[in-house]
N, C-alpha and C. Protein backbone atom coordinates (compact mmCIF):
# COMPACT_ATOMS: atom_id res chain seq x y z
N MET A 1 -12.13 -7.00 8.90
CA MET A 1 -13.02 -6.20 9.70
C MET A 1 -13.64 -5.13 8.80
N PRO A 2 -14.94 -4.97 8.85
CA PRO A 2 -15.57 -3.92 8.07
C PRO A 2 -15.03 -2.54 8.47
N LEU A 3 -14.89 -1.68 7.51
CA LEU A 3 -14.39 -0.33 7.76
C LEU A 3 -15.23 0.39 8.80
N SER A 4 -16.52 0.18 8.75
CA SER A 4 -17.42 0.87 9.69
C SER A 4 -17.21 0.41 11.14
N LEU A 5 -16.56 -0.73 11.35
CA LEU A 5 -16.33 -1.22 12.72
C LEU A 5 -14.93 -0.88 13.25
N ILE A 6 -14.11 -0.25 12.43
CA ILE A 6 -12.78 0.12 12.90
C ILE A 6 -12.92 1.21 13.95
N PRO A 7 -12.26 1.05 15.09
CA PRO A 7 -12.38 2.07 16.15
C PRO A 7 -12.00 3.46 15.65
N ILE A 8 -12.67 4.45 16.15
CA ILE A 8 -12.47 5.83 15.72
C ILE A 8 -11.01 6.27 15.86
N GLU A 9 -10.31 5.71 16.85
CA GLU A 9 -8.92 6.10 17.08
C GLU A 9 -8.01 5.75 15.90
N ILE A 10 -8.39 4.75 15.11
CA ILE A 10 -7.54 4.38 13.98
C ILE A 10 -8.25 4.53 12.64
N LYS A 11 -9.27 5.34 12.61
CA LYS A 11 -9.94 5.63 11.33
C LYS A 11 -8.94 6.34 10.41
N PRO A 12 -9.25 6.45 9.13
CA PRO A 12 -8.31 7.03 8.17
C PRO A 12 -7.77 8.42 8.52
N GLN A 13 -8.43 9.18 9.38
CA GLN A 13 -7.91 10.50 9.72
C GLN A 13 -6.57 10.40 10.42
N SER A 14 -6.32 9.31 11.14
CA SER A 14 -5.09 9.20 11.90
C SER A 14 -4.10 8.19 11.32
N CYS A 15 -4.51 7.42 10.32
CA CYS A 15 -3.59 6.46 9.71
C CYS A 15 -4.10 6.12 8.31
N ARG A 16 -3.30 5.39 7.59
CA ARG A 16 -3.70 4.93 6.26
C ARG A 16 -4.15 3.48 6.36
N ILE A 17 -5.14 3.15 5.55
CA ILE A 17 -5.70 1.80 5.58
C ILE A 17 -5.52 1.17 4.21
N VAL A 18 -5.02 -0.06 4.20
CA VAL A 18 -4.88 -0.83 2.97
C VAL A 18 -5.80 -2.04 3.10
N HIS A 19 -6.70 -2.18 2.14
CA HIS A 19 -7.61 -3.33 2.14
C HIS A 19 -7.21 -4.25 0.99
N LEU A 20 -7.00 -5.50 1.31
CA LEU A 20 -6.65 -6.50 0.31
C LEU A 20 -7.87 -7.37 0.06
N CYS A 21 -8.32 -7.38 -1.18
CA CYS A 21 -9.54 -8.11 -1.55
C CYS A 21 -9.19 -9.27 -2.47
N ARG A 22 -9.96 -10.34 -2.35
CA ARG A 22 -9.84 -11.48 -3.26
C ARG A 22 -11.12 -11.60 -4.07
N GLU A 23 -11.01 -12.26 -5.20
CA GLU A 23 -12.21 -12.55 -6.00
C GLU A 23 -13.19 -13.31 -5.11
N PRO A 24 -14.48 -13.05 -5.24
CA PRO A 24 -15.45 -13.73 -4.37
C PRO A 24 -15.35 -15.25 -4.40
N LYS A 25 -15.17 -15.83 -5.58
CA LYS A 25 -15.11 -17.30 -5.64
C LYS A 25 -13.87 -17.82 -4.90
N ASP A 26 -12.75 -17.11 -5.03
CA ASP A 26 -11.54 -17.53 -4.34
C ASP A 26 -11.66 -17.33 -2.83
N ALA A 27 -12.29 -16.23 -2.44
CA ALA A 27 -12.50 -15.97 -1.02
C ALA A 27 -13.40 -17.05 -0.41
N PHE A 28 -14.44 -17.43 -1.15
CA PHE A 28 -15.35 -18.46 -0.66
C PHE A 28 -14.64 -19.80 -0.51
N VAL A 29 -13.94 -20.23 -1.54
CA VAL A 29 -13.26 -21.54 -1.51
C VAL A 29 -12.21 -21.56 -0.40
N SER A 30 -11.45 -20.49 -0.28
CA SER A 30 -10.43 -20.42 0.76
C SER A 30 -11.06 -20.51 2.15
N ARG A 31 -12.13 -19.77 2.34
CA ARG A 31 -12.81 -19.80 3.65
C ARG A 31 -13.40 -21.18 3.93
N TRP A 32 -13.98 -21.81 2.92
CA TRP A 32 -14.56 -23.14 3.10
C TRP A 32 -13.49 -24.15 3.52
N HIS A 33 -12.34 -24.10 2.84
CA HIS A 33 -11.24 -25.01 3.21
C HIS A 33 -10.74 -24.71 4.62
N PHE A 34 -10.59 -23.44 4.94
CA PHE A 34 -10.12 -23.05 6.27
C PHE A 34 -11.07 -23.56 7.35
N GLU A 35 -12.37 -23.33 7.15
CA GLU A 35 -13.33 -23.75 8.15
C GLU A 35 -13.41 -25.27 8.25
N ASN A 36 -13.28 -25.98 7.15
CA ASN A 36 -13.26 -27.45 7.20
C ASN A 36 -12.05 -27.94 7.99
N LYS A 37 -10.94 -27.26 7.82
CA LYS A 37 -9.72 -27.64 8.53
C LYS A 37 -9.86 -27.35 10.03
N MET A 38 -10.45 -26.20 10.35
CA MET A 38 -10.57 -25.79 11.75
C MET A 38 -11.69 -26.53 12.48
N LEU A 39 -12.75 -26.86 11.77
CA LEU A 39 -13.92 -27.50 12.37
C LEU A 39 -14.04 -28.94 11.87
N LYS A 40 -13.04 -29.74 12.15
CA LYS A 40 -12.98 -31.10 11.62
C LYS A 40 -14.17 -31.96 12.06
N SER A 41 -14.73 -31.66 13.22
CA SER A 41 -15.84 -32.49 13.71
C SER A 41 -17.15 -32.21 12.98
N TYR A 42 -17.22 -31.10 12.26
CA TYR A 42 -18.42 -30.77 11.50
C TYR A 42 -18.23 -31.17 10.04
N ASN A 43 -19.31 -31.55 9.41
CA ASN A 43 -19.26 -31.86 7.99
C ASN A 43 -19.88 -30.67 7.26
N LEU A 44 -19.04 -29.76 6.79
CA LEU A 44 -19.53 -28.55 6.15
C LEU A 44 -19.87 -28.84 4.69
N ASP A 45 -21.14 -28.87 4.40
CA ASP A 45 -21.62 -29.14 3.05
C ASP A 45 -21.30 -27.95 2.14
N LEU A 46 -20.61 -28.22 1.04
CA LEU A 46 -20.18 -27.16 0.14
C LEU A 46 -21.37 -26.37 -0.41
N ALA A 47 -22.40 -27.04 -0.86
CA ALA A 47 -23.56 -26.35 -1.45
C ALA A 47 -24.26 -25.46 -0.42
N LYS A 48 -24.44 -25.98 0.77
CA LYS A 48 -25.11 -25.19 1.82
C LYS A 48 -24.22 -24.01 2.22
N HIS A 49 -22.95 -24.26 2.33
CA HIS A 49 -22.00 -23.20 2.68
C HIS A 49 -22.00 -22.11 1.60
N PHE A 50 -22.07 -22.52 0.34
CA PHE A 50 -22.10 -21.57 -0.77
C PHE A 50 -23.37 -20.71 -0.71
N ASP A 51 -24.50 -21.35 -0.46
CA ASP A 51 -25.76 -20.60 -0.34
C ASP A 51 -25.67 -19.56 0.78
N MET A 52 -25.10 -19.97 1.89
CA MET A 52 -24.96 -19.04 3.02
C MET A 52 -24.03 -17.88 2.66
N PHE A 53 -22.95 -18.17 1.96
CA PHE A 53 -22.02 -17.13 1.52
C PHE A 53 -22.75 -16.13 0.62
N CYS A 54 -23.53 -16.65 -0.33
CA CYS A 54 -24.26 -15.79 -1.26
C CYS A 54 -25.33 -14.96 -0.56
N GLU A 55 -25.89 -15.51 0.52
CA GLU A 55 -26.92 -14.80 1.28
C GLU A 55 -26.33 -13.80 2.27
N GLY A 56 -25.00 -13.80 2.40
CA GLY A 56 -24.35 -12.81 3.26
C GLY A 56 -24.02 -13.28 4.65
N PHE A 57 -24.15 -14.57 4.93
CA PHE A 57 -23.79 -15.08 6.25
C PHE A 57 -22.28 -15.23 6.32
N SER A 58 -21.67 -14.44 7.17
CA SER A 58 -20.22 -14.45 7.31
C SER A 58 -19.86 -13.79 8.63
N PRO A 59 -18.76 -14.20 9.23
CA PRO A 59 -18.34 -13.53 10.47
C PRO A 59 -18.06 -12.04 10.26
N TYR A 60 -17.83 -11.65 9.02
CA TYR A 60 -17.48 -10.26 8.71
C TYR A 60 -18.64 -9.51 8.06
N GLY A 61 -19.79 -10.12 8.03
CA GLY A 61 -20.92 -9.53 7.34
C GLY A 61 -20.90 -9.97 5.88
N PRO A 62 -21.88 -9.53 5.11
CA PRO A 62 -21.94 -9.92 3.70
C PRO A 62 -20.66 -9.52 2.95
N PHE A 63 -20.11 -10.45 2.20
CA PHE A 63 -18.86 -10.22 1.47
C PHE A 63 -18.95 -8.97 0.59
N ARG A 64 -20.05 -8.86 -0.15
CA ARG A 64 -20.21 -7.74 -1.07
C ARG A 64 -20.18 -6.41 -0.32
N ASN A 65 -20.90 -6.32 0.78
CA ASN A 65 -20.92 -5.07 1.56
C ASN A 65 -19.55 -4.75 2.12
N HIS A 66 -18.88 -5.78 2.60
CA HIS A 66 -17.54 -5.62 3.18
C HIS A 66 -16.58 -5.03 2.15
N VAL A 67 -16.58 -5.59 0.96
CA VAL A 67 -15.68 -5.15 -0.10
C VAL A 67 -16.07 -3.76 -0.60
N LEU A 68 -17.36 -3.55 -0.84
CA LEU A 68 -17.81 -2.26 -1.36
C LEU A 68 -17.50 -1.10 -0.41
N GLU A 69 -17.57 -1.36 0.87
CA GLU A 69 -17.29 -0.31 1.85
C GLU A 69 -15.85 0.22 1.68
N TYR A 70 -14.90 -0.68 1.53
CA TYR A 70 -13.51 -0.27 1.35
C TYR A 70 -13.29 0.33 -0.04
N TRP A 71 -13.91 -0.26 -1.05
CA TRP A 71 -13.74 0.25 -2.41
C TRP A 71 -14.25 1.69 -2.52
N LYS A 72 -15.43 1.94 -1.98
CA LYS A 72 -15.99 3.30 -2.01
C LYS A 72 -15.11 4.27 -1.23
N ALA A 73 -14.63 3.85 -0.08
CA ALA A 73 -13.75 4.71 0.73
C ALA A 73 -12.46 5.02 -0.02
N SER A 74 -11.95 4.05 -0.78
CA SER A 74 -10.70 4.29 -1.52
C SER A 74 -10.91 5.29 -2.65
N ILE A 75 -12.12 5.37 -3.17
CA ILE A 75 -12.43 6.36 -4.22
C ILE A 75 -12.67 7.74 -3.59
N GLU A 76 -13.39 7.75 -2.48
CA GLU A 76 -13.72 9.02 -1.82
C GLU A 76 -12.50 9.64 -1.13
N ARG A 77 -11.62 8.80 -0.59
CA ARG A 77 -10.46 9.29 0.17
C ARG A 77 -9.20 8.53 -0.25
N PRO A 78 -8.73 8.73 -1.48
CA PRO A 78 -7.61 7.94 -1.99
C PRO A 78 -6.29 8.14 -1.25
N LYS A 79 -6.15 9.20 -0.50
CA LYS A 79 -4.91 9.40 0.27
C LYS A 79 -4.96 8.70 1.62
N GLU A 80 -6.14 8.19 1.98
CA GLU A 80 -6.31 7.56 3.29
C GLU A 80 -6.60 6.06 3.20
N VAL A 81 -7.26 5.63 2.13
CA VAL A 81 -7.66 4.23 1.99
C VAL A 81 -7.21 3.72 0.62
N MET A 82 -6.50 2.60 0.63
CA MET A 82 -6.06 1.97 -0.62
C MET A 82 -6.74 0.61 -0.75
N PHE A 83 -7.24 0.33 -1.93
CA PHE A 83 -7.93 -0.93 -2.21
C PHE A 83 -7.06 -1.74 -3.16
N LEU A 84 -6.61 -2.89 -2.71
CA LEU A 84 -5.78 -3.77 -3.53
C LEU A 84 -6.51 -5.08 -3.80
N LYS A 85 -6.23 -5.65 -4.97
CA LYS A 85 -6.79 -6.96 -5.30
C LYS A 85 -5.66 -7.99 -5.30
N TYR A 86 -5.91 -9.10 -4.65
CA TYR A 86 -4.93 -10.17 -4.55
C TYR A 86 -4.45 -10.60 -5.94
N GLU A 87 -5.37 -10.67 -6.87
CA GLU A 87 -5.02 -11.12 -8.22
C GLU A 87 -4.05 -10.15 -8.90
N ASP A 88 -4.17 -8.86 -8.62
CA ASP A 88 -3.23 -7.87 -9.17
C ASP A 88 -1.83 -8.07 -8.58
N ILE A 89 -1.79 -8.40 -7.31
CA ILE A 89 -0.49 -8.64 -6.67
C ILE A 89 0.17 -9.86 -7.31
N LYS A 90 -0.61 -10.91 -7.53
CA LYS A 90 -0.07 -12.12 -8.15
C LYS A 90 0.42 -11.86 -9.58
N SER A 91 -0.31 -11.04 -10.33
CA SER A 91 0.03 -10.84 -11.74
C SER A 91 1.16 -9.82 -11.94
N ASN A 92 1.27 -8.83 -11.06
CA ASN A 92 2.32 -7.82 -11.23
C ASN A 92 2.76 -7.29 -9.86
N PRO A 93 3.49 -8.11 -9.11
CA PRO A 93 3.85 -7.71 -7.74
C PRO A 93 4.72 -6.45 -7.67
N VAL A 94 5.60 -6.26 -8.62
CA VAL A 94 6.48 -5.08 -8.58
C VAL A 94 5.67 -3.80 -8.68
N LEU A 95 4.75 -3.76 -9.62
CA LEU A 95 3.91 -2.57 -9.80
C LEU A 95 3.08 -2.30 -8.55
N VAL A 96 2.49 -3.34 -7.99
CA VAL A 96 1.64 -3.16 -6.81
C VAL A 96 2.47 -2.71 -5.61
N VAL A 97 3.66 -3.26 -5.44
CA VAL A 97 4.52 -2.84 -4.32
C VAL A 97 4.92 -1.38 -4.49
N ARG A 98 5.18 -0.96 -5.71
CA ARG A 98 5.51 0.46 -5.95
C ARG A 98 4.31 1.36 -5.61
N LYS A 99 3.12 0.96 -6.04
CA LYS A 99 1.92 1.74 -5.72
C LYS A 99 1.69 1.79 -4.21
N LEU A 100 1.89 0.65 -3.57
CA LEU A 100 1.73 0.59 -2.12
C LEU A 100 2.77 1.48 -1.44
N GLY A 101 3.99 1.45 -1.93
CA GLY A 101 5.03 2.31 -1.38
C GLY A 101 4.69 3.78 -1.52
N ASN A 102 4.18 4.16 -2.68
CA ASN A 102 3.78 5.56 -2.88
C ASN A 102 2.64 5.94 -1.94
N PHE A 103 1.70 5.04 -1.77
CA PHE A 103 0.57 5.29 -0.88
C PHE A 103 1.05 5.46 0.56
N LEU A 104 1.97 4.62 0.98
CA LEU A 104 2.47 4.66 2.36
C LEU A 104 3.60 5.66 2.53
N VAL A 105 3.95 6.35 1.46
CA VAL A 105 5.04 7.32 1.44
C VAL A 105 6.35 6.63 1.79
N CYS A 106 6.57 5.51 1.15
CA CYS A 106 7.83 4.77 1.23
C CYS A 106 8.32 4.62 -0.20
N TYR A 107 9.59 4.72 -0.40
CA TYR A 107 10.10 4.60 -1.75
C TYR A 107 11.20 3.55 -1.79
N LEU A 108 11.14 2.71 -2.80
CA LEU A 108 12.17 1.71 -2.99
C LEU A 108 13.28 2.31 -3.83
N LEU A 109 14.46 2.30 -3.30
CA LEU A 109 15.62 2.79 -4.03
C LEU A 109 16.46 1.59 -4.43
N LYS A 110 16.79 1.54 -5.70
CA LYS A 110 17.50 0.39 -6.27
C LYS A 110 16.67 -0.85 -6.00
N GLN A 111 17.27 -1.89 -5.43
CA GLN A 111 16.50 -3.12 -5.25
C GLN A 111 16.20 -3.46 -3.80
N LYS A 112 17.07 -3.09 -2.89
CA LYS A 112 16.89 -3.58 -1.53
C LYS A 112 16.82 -2.48 -0.48
N THR A 113 16.79 -1.23 -0.88
CA THR A 113 16.79 -0.15 0.08
C THR A 113 15.40 0.45 0.17
N LEU A 114 14.92 0.62 1.37
CA LEU A 114 13.61 1.21 1.61
C LEU A 114 13.80 2.50 2.38
N VAL A 115 13.28 3.59 1.85
CA VAL A 115 13.35 4.87 2.53
C VAL A 115 11.94 5.27 2.90
N VAL A 116 11.74 5.60 4.17
CA VAL A 116 10.41 5.98 4.65
C VAL A 116 10.43 7.46 5.01
N PHE A 117 9.47 8.20 4.48
CA PHE A 117 9.33 9.61 4.79
C PHE A 117 8.12 9.77 5.70
N PRO A 118 8.33 10.21 6.93
CA PRO A 118 7.19 10.33 7.86
C PRO A 118 6.20 11.39 7.39
N ASN A 119 4.95 11.19 7.76
CA ASN A 119 3.91 12.18 7.43
C ASN A 119 4.17 13.45 8.21
N LYS A 120 3.87 14.57 7.58
CA LYS A 120 4.02 15.86 8.28
C LYS A 120 2.67 16.48 8.46
């Protein structure tokens, strides 16, 4: 969901938002496979689907705009919005989980203990 469409009740002022982004090519391929699986009766042409993706036709709006909205918000309000990349999680999950824990004010103690400090 685009950040601009999130209801005011749950905007960053009242909670923290974590956005997980994928590389555009991976997001496109994943979506194409998903839609082919869900819409078996339709023959979704890869080239036409790709053109539509590049032109911004998506249930969530243009991919670039969707991603940039969260990325900019994470720079402007780093204590309220966190921008993660799927590829970073795959390459170094421990580091990303630690960063996520710090962002959410949760700390991993040893290996299996999670301590949560509520916001004040």
